[in-house]
C-alpha cells in the first residue's frame, strides 16, 4: 500500500490498483483515485479515539510490544486503528494488538518513558 496525502490534507493508505497517475492539470474535482475507503470513528470495542493503549501480541515486530500510544481513529479500509505512538510515530494496528490502559496505569508507564535519550543530526 501507498501512503497518499489527499488534497484536503488527510492521509490514506491505498493499493496500487486503486490509484491512477494524474498530471499537474488535475483538479481536486477530477477523478484521480477510484473508490477510496472512508475513514470513520468506528468503535469495535471499548477502545476508541483518544484511548490510551499498549501494543501487545505483535509477532512481526515484537520490539513494539509494550509501547504506548493514543488511538486516533478507525480505518474501515484497513480494518485497523490509527495510533499516534508516544515516540511520535504513527502505527496502524489490529484491535487484537491493543490493550486498553486506564488513566492511572497510563500515567505511571508514561512517567517511566521519560528516560529515553534523543539524538540530533
Protein backbone atom coordinates (compact mmCIF):
# COMPACT_ATOMS: atom_id res chain seq x y z
CA UNK A 1 0.00 0.00 0.00
CA UNK A 2 0.99 3.59 -0.64
CA UNK A 3 0.65 6.44 1.84
CA UNK A 4 -1.20 9.17 -0.06
CA UNK A 5 -1.73 12.78 1.04
CA UNK A 6 -5.14 13.89 -0.24
CA UNK A 7 -5.90 17.44 -1.46
CA UNK A 8 -7.84 18.14 1.75
CA UNK A 9 -4.72 17.34 3.82
CA UNK A 10 -5.91 13.96 5.09
CA UNK A 11 -3.84 10.81 4.58
CA UNK A 12 -4.90 7.47 3.10
CA UNK A 13 -3.27 4.08 2.62
CA UNK A 14 -4.14 2.89 -0.90
CA UNK A 15 -3.42 -0.17 -3.02
CA UNK A 16 -1.67 0.47 -6.33
CA UNK A 17 -4.71 -0.97 -8.13
CA UNK A 18 -6.87 1.81 -6.63
CA UNK A 19 -4.68 4.65 -7.95
CA UNK A 20 -4.20 6.25 -11.33
CA UNK A 21 -1.42 8.75 -12.19
CA UNK A 22 -2.61 12.27 -12.87
CA UNK A 23 -0.92 15.27 -14.38
CA UNK A 24 -0.40 18.67 -12.80
CA UNK A 25 -3.54 19.92 -14.55
CA UNK A 26 -5.70 17.63 -12.39
CA UNK A 27 -8.06 19.46 -10.06
CA UNK A 28 -9.44 18.14 -6.75
CA UNK A 29 -12.77 17.53 -8.53
CA UNK A 30 -11.16 15.31 -11.19
CA UNK A 31 -11.24 11.56 -10.71
CA UNK A 32 -7.77 10.53 -9.61
CA UNK A 33 -8.29 7.54 -7.34
CA UNK A 34 -11.26 5.22 -7.64
CA UNK A 35 -13.27 4.10 -4.66
CA UNK A 36 -11.01 5.30 -1.84
CA UNK A 37 -12.04 3.92 1.52
CA UNK A 38 -13.76 6.15 4.01
CA UNK A 39 -12.31 6.61 7.47
CA UNK A 40 -14.83 6.66 10.27
CA UNK A 41 -14.78 6.65 14.02
CA UNK A 42 -15.95 3.02 14.12
CA UNK A 43 -15.86 1.68 17.65
CA UNK A 44 -15.44 -2.09 17.66
CA UNK A 45 -14.78 -2.46 21.39
CA UNK A 46 -14.05 -0.33 24.41
CA UNK A 47 -11.05 1.07 22.50
CA UNK A 48 -11.90 4.30 20.70
CA UNK A 49 -10.47 7.65 19.63
CA UNK A 50 -8.36 9.24 22.41
CA UNK A 51 -7.97 5.90 24.23
CA UNK A 52 -4.54 5.23 25.71
CA UNK A 53 -3.25 1.82 24.62
CA UNK A 54 -0.29 -0.55 24.97
CA UNK A 55 0.76 -2.69 21.99
CA UNK A 56 0.57 -6.43 22.66
CA UNK A 57 0.98 -9.66 20.72
CA UNK A 58 2.90 -8.44 17.66
CA UNK A 59 4.93 -11.22 16.06
CA UNK A 60 6.42 -9.46 13.03
CA UNK A 61 7.73 -6.52 15.10
CA UNK A 62 7.94 -7.83 18.67
CA UNK A 63 10.14 -4.89 19.73
CA UNK A 64 6.97 -2.76 19.63
CA UNK A 65 5.17 -4.87 22.25
CA UNK A 66 4.74 -2.82 25.42
CA UNK A 67 4.99 0.54 23.63
CA UNK A 68 2.30 3.13 24.48
CA UNK A 69 0.20 5.36 22.26
CA UNK A 70 -3.10 7.17 21.77
CA UNK A 71 -5.81 5.96 19.38
CA UNK A 72 -6.61 8.48 16.63
CA UNK A 73 -9.34 6.85 14.51
CA UNK A 74 -10.62 3.63 12.93
CA UNK A 75 -9.78 2.95 9.28
CA UNK A 76 -12.53 0.83 7.68
CA UNK A 77 -10.42 0.12 4.59
CA UNK A 78 -7.53 -1.33 6.60
CA UNK A 79 -9.61 -2.80 9.43
CA UNK A 80 -7.15 -1.24 11.87
CA UNK A 81 -6.86 1.56 14.40
CA UNK A 82 -4.61 4.51 13.59
CA UNK A 83 -2.46 5.10 16.66
CA UNK A 84 -0.16 8.01 17.49
CA UNK A 85 2.71 6.47 19.44
CA UNK A 86 4.39 8.23 22.37
CA UNK A 87 7.65 8.35 20.38
CA UNK A 88 5.86 10.50 17.74
CA UNK A 89 5.48 7.78 15.10
CA UNK A 90 2.19 6.53 13.70
CA UNK A 91 1.05 2.91 13.50
CA UNK A 92 -1.97 1.09 12.12
CA UNK A 93 -2.85 -1.77 14.44
CA UNK A 94 -5.42 -4.54 14.60
CA UNK A 95 -7.80 -4.40 17.59
CA UNK A 96 -6.31 -7.68 18.88
CA UNK A 97 -2.94 -5.94 19.30
CA UNK A 98 -4.26 -3.14 21.53
CA UNK A 99 -4.56 -3.30 25.29
CA UNK A 100 -6.67 -0.51 26.77
CA UNK A 101 -4.84 1.38 29.50
CA UNK A 102 -6.63 3.02 32.40
CA UNK A 103 -5.55 6.56 33.29
CA UNK A 104 -3.52 5.58 36.36
CA UNK A 105 -1.60 2.80 34.57
CA UNK A 106 -1.01 5.03 31.58
CA UNK A 107 0.46 7.91 33.60
CA UNK A 108 2.74 5.57 35.56
CA UNK A 109 4.02 4.00 32.33
CA UNK A 110 4.49 7.41 30.68
CA UNK A 111 6.49 8.68 33.64
CA UNK A 112 8.96 5.84 33.16
CA UNK A 113 9.24 6.56 29.43
CA UNK A 114 10.94 9.89 30.02
CA UNK A 115 14.32 8.25 30.48
CA UNK A 116 14.96 7.67 26.77
CA UNK A 117 17.65 9.74 25.10
CA UNK A 118 17.27 11.53 21.79
CA UNK A 119 19.99 12.28 19.27
CA UNK A 120 20.01 15.04 16.71
CA UNK A 121 21.77 15.13 13.39
